[in-house]
Amino acid sequence: MGKVVVTEFISLDGVIEDPGGSEKTKNGGWTFAFDAGEEFGAFKFAELQAADAQLLGRVTYQGFAQAWPTMEGTGEFGVKMNTMPKYVVSSTLTDASWDNTTIVGTDLPREVAALTERYEGDILVAGSAQLVQGLLAADLVDELRLMVFPVLLGTGKRLFAELPEKKRLAVQETKQLGDGVTLVVYARG
């Protein structure tokens, strides 16, 4: 049975919006101000290799689908991104042109149950703030991996929204990854 793993680049004040700059927001590309080092790249590669599929929200999917198929020089990471199964949670998307993509409905408990039954490895969720908020509220996240960047952005889409009830998490790992970036891995408490 697979597990749902959320992986996020996040500022100290909880912003996850536009870490790479493709959305052209006020603070877009904020992660590039840091050198996370080789260990960071190795972690992200191992994380992707352990995943059997990706589960994405529409906005993140559209950004990835625009960038990854034409990205050059990404080696095995790019091959895996482009060939692995991808599932997009959307009520509005009608066309999923990126290879191996399936549009799924918004009934998160049903969709996540089907994916965790189908796959043995991780089901990786990157970005996708609204989707992650829904997954957290429905208690469908098995592991939360936060790459915390030492910056306060002040504005932008935040990862955490109000929840219907308290969620306790257990720290599984913390690790410094380069230029002040800290990896914190949480599991259900």
Protein backbone atom coordinates (compact mmCIF):
# COMPACT_ATOMS: atom_id res chain seq x y z
CA MET A 1 0.00 0.00 0.00
CA GLY A 2 1.37 3.39 -1.01
CA LYS A 3 1.60 6.43 1.20
CA VAL A 4 0.79 10.07 0.49
CA VAL A 5 3.89 12.24 0.86
CA VAL A 6 3.62 16.02 0.67
CA THR A 7 6.87 17.77 -0.23
CA GLU A 8 7.16 21.54 -0.09
CA PHE A 9 9.61 24.41 -0.37
CA ILE A 10 8.40 26.74 2.37
CA SER A 11 9.45 30.06 3.88
CA LEU A 12 9.63 30.58 7.64
CA ASP A 13 6.28 32.38 7.47
CA GLY A 14 4.60 29.46 5.68
CA VAL A 15 4.61 30.73 2.07
CA ILE A 16 4.93 28.10 -0.66
CA GLU A 17 3.87 30.23 -3.62
CA ASP A 18 6.12 30.45 -6.67
CA PRO A 19 9.42 29.14 -5.27
CA GLY A 20 10.83 28.79 -8.79
CA GLY A 21 9.57 32.07 -10.24
CA SER A 22 7.50 30.69 -13.12
CA GLU A 23 4.30 32.34 -11.85
CA LYS A 24 5.92 35.81 -11.95
CA THR A 25 4.63 36.78 -8.51
CA LYS A 26 6.11 39.57 -6.39
CA ASN A 27 8.49 37.21 -4.56
CA GLY A 28 8.73 34.56 -7.28
CA GLY A 29 11.96 32.57 -7.45
CA TRP A 30 12.71 33.09 -3.76
CA THR A 31 14.45 29.72 -3.43
CA PHE A 32 17.19 30.77 -5.87
CA ALA A 33 18.62 33.19 -3.31
CA PHE A 34 19.96 30.12 -1.47
CA ASP A 35 22.53 27.47 -2.29
CA ALA A 36 20.94 24.36 -0.86
CA GLY A 37 23.94 22.28 -1.89
CA GLU A 38 24.48 18.85 -3.42
CA GLU A 39 22.85 17.06 -0.49
CA PHE A 40 19.60 18.89 -1.27
CA GLY A 41 19.70 17.73 -4.90
CA ALA A 42 20.46 14.18 -3.80
CA PHE A 43 17.53 14.25 -1.37
CA LYS A 44 15.10 15.52 -4.04
CA PHE A 45 16.33 12.87 -6.50
CA ALA A 46 15.93 10.05 -3.93
CA GLU A 47 12.49 11.38 -3.02
CA LEU A 48 11.37 11.29 -6.67
CA GLN A 49 12.88 7.82 -7.22
CA ALA A 50 10.90 6.46 -4.24
CA ALA A 51 7.64 7.74 -5.73
CA ASP A 52 5.43 5.62 -7.97
CA ALA A 53 3.12 8.50 -8.91
CA GLN A 54 2.43 12.19 -8.41
CA LEU A 55 -0.81 13.71 -7.19
CA LEU A 56 -1.12 17.38 -8.14
CA GLY A 57 -3.53 20.25 -8.01
CA ARG A 58 -4.47 21.94 -11.27
CA VAL A 59 -2.28 25.04 -10.91
CA THR A 60 0.87 23.09 -10.01
CA TYR A 61 0.12 20.55 -12.73
CA GLN A 62 -0.20 23.24 -15.38
CA GLY A 63 3.10 24.81 -14.31
CA PHE A 64 4.91 21.46 -14.30
CA ALA A 65 3.33 20.42 -17.62
CA GLN A 66 4.55 23.62 -19.23
CA ALA A 67 8.10 23.33 -17.90
CA TRP A 68 9.15 19.68 -17.58
CA PRO A 69 8.53 18.24 -21.06
CA THR A 70 10.86 20.82 -22.63
CA MET A 71 13.43 21.12 -19.84
CA GLU A 72 16.88 20.09 -20.98
CA GLY A 73 19.82 18.81 -18.97
CA THR A 74 17.75 17.27 -16.18
CA GLY A 75 18.97 13.70 -16.71
CA GLU A 76 17.30 10.88 -14.81
CA PHE A 77 15.28 13.34 -12.71
CA GLY A 78 13.64 14.80 -15.82
CA VAL A 79 13.03 11.37 -17.33
CA LYS A 80 11.25 10.24 -14.17
CA MET A 81 9.20 13.46 -13.95
CA ASN A 82 8.05 13.09 -17.54
CA THR A 83 7.34 9.35 -17.56
CA MET A 84 5.84 8.62 -14.14
CA PRO A 85 2.05 8.49 -13.68
CA LYS A 86 0.53 11.82 -12.71
CA TYR A 87 -2.95 12.42 -11.28
CA VAL A 88 -4.50 15.87 -11.29
CA VAL A 89 -7.29 16.76 -8.88
CA SER A 90 -9.51 19.22 -10.71
CA SER A 91 -13.13 20.09 -11.30
CA THR A 92 -12.29 22.37 -14.23
CA LEU A 93 -9.40 20.85 -16.18
CA THR A 94 -10.54 19.02 -19.31
CA ASP A 95 -7.25 18.36 -21.10
CA ALA A 96 -4.16 16.76 -19.60
CA SER A 97 -1.58 16.76 -22.35
CA TRP A 98 1.52 15.87 -20.28
CA ASP A 99 2.44 12.20 -20.79
CA ASN A 100 0.92 9.71 -18.34
CA THR A 101 -1.53 12.15 -16.79
CA THR A 102 -5.02 11.32 -15.58
CA ILE A 103 -7.54 13.87 -14.36
CA VAL A 104 -9.32 12.67 -11.23
CA GLY A 105 -12.29 14.06 -9.35
CA THR A 106 -12.32 16.10 -6.19
CA ASP A 107 -13.56 13.35 -3.83
CA LEU A 108 -10.21 13.17 -2.05
CA PRO A 109 -10.91 10.20 0.26
CA ARG A 110 -12.05 8.08 -2.70
CA GLU A 111 -9.26 9.19 -5.06
CA VAL A 112 -6.50 8.80 -2.46
CA ALA A 113 -7.78 5.36 -1.41
CA ALA A 114 -7.67 4.22 -5.04
CA LEU A 115 -4.11 5.51 -5.50
CA THR A 116 -2.76 4.03 -2.27
CA GLU A 117 -4.26 0.67 -3.25
CA ARG A 118 -2.82 0.85 -6.76
CA TYR A 119 0.76 1.83 -5.85
CA GLU A 120 3.28 0.42 -3.38
CA GLY A 121 5.64 3.41 -3.39
CA ASP A 122 5.04 7.01 -2.46
CA ILE A 123 2.38 9.18 -4.03
CA LEU A 124 4.21 12.48 -4.13
CA VAL A 125 2.35 15.79 -3.77
CA ALA A 126 4.40 18.91 -4.57
CA GLY A 127 3.15 22.49 -4.43
CA SER A 128 -0.63 22.27 -4.84
CA ALA A 129 -1.56 24.41 -1.81
CA GLN A 130 -5.33 23.98 -2.08
CA LEU A 131 -5.01 20.22 -2.62
CA VAL A 132 -2.63 19.84 0.34
CA GLN A 133 -4.97 21.82 2.57
CA GLY A 134 -7.79 19.45 1.60
CA LEU A 135 -5.62 16.39 2.17
CA LEU A 136 -4.56 17.64 5.61
CA ALA A 137 -8.14 18.49 6.60
CA ALA A 138 -9.26 14.98 5.59
CA ASP A 139 -6.29 13.37 7.42
CA LEU A 140 -4.98 11.82 4.19
CA VAL A 141 -1.30 12.83 4.48
CA ASP A 142 1.05 10.14 5.72
CA GLU A 143 4.21 12.25 5.61
CA LEU A 144 4.93 15.96 5.33
CA ARG A 145 8.40 16.96 4.08
CA LEU A 146 9.18 20.63 4.46
CA MET A 147 12.32 22.21 3.01
CA VAL A 148 12.33 25.33 5.19
CA PHE A 149 14.14 28.32 3.68
CA PRO A 150 15.38 31.00 6.11
CA VAL A 151 13.36 33.86 4.67
CA LEU A 152 10.19 35.76 5.60
CA LEU A 153 8.25 36.62 2.43
CA GLY A 154 5.38 38.48 4.05
CA THR A 155 2.88 37.75 1.30
CA GLY A 156 1.94 34.82 -0.86
CA LYS A 157 -0.05 31.61 -0.81
CA ARG A 158 0.54 29.77 2.45
CA LEU A 159 0.59 26.03 2.98
CA PHE A 160 -1.54 25.84 6.09
CA ALA A 161 -5.18 26.87 6.32
CA GLU A 162 -7.66 26.49 9.13
CA LEU A 163 -8.37 22.87 9.99
CA PRO A 164 -11.55 21.36 11.40
CA GLU A 165 -9.54 19.93 14.30
CA LYS A 166 -6.06 19.74 15.76
CA LYS A 167 -3.60 17.44 13.91
CA ARG A 168 -0.67 16.09 15.85
CA LEU A 169 2.46 15.20 13.89
CA ALA A 170 5.62 13.38 14.90
CA VAL A 171 9.04 14.62 13.81
CA GLN A 172 10.78 11.87 11.84
CA GLU A 173 13.90 13.71 10.70
CA THR A 174 15.60 17.09 10.64
CA LYS A 175 18.64 17.87 8.56
CA GLN A 176 20.54 20.95 7.44
CA LEU A 177 20.77 21.07 3.63
CA GLY A 178 23.19 23.76 2.57
CA ASP A 179 22.72 27.53 2.81
CA GLY A 180 20.45 27.59 5.85
CA VAL A 181 17.81 25.31 4.30
CA THR A 182 16.47 22.81 6.81
CA LEU A 183 14.61 19.62 5.95
CA VAL A 184 11.94 18.66 8.47
CA VAL A 185 10.00 15.44 7.97
CA TYR A 186 6.79 14.86 9.86
CA ALA A 187 4.55 11.81 10.00
CA ARG A 188 1.11 11.32 11.45
CA GLY A 189 1.34 11.65 15.22
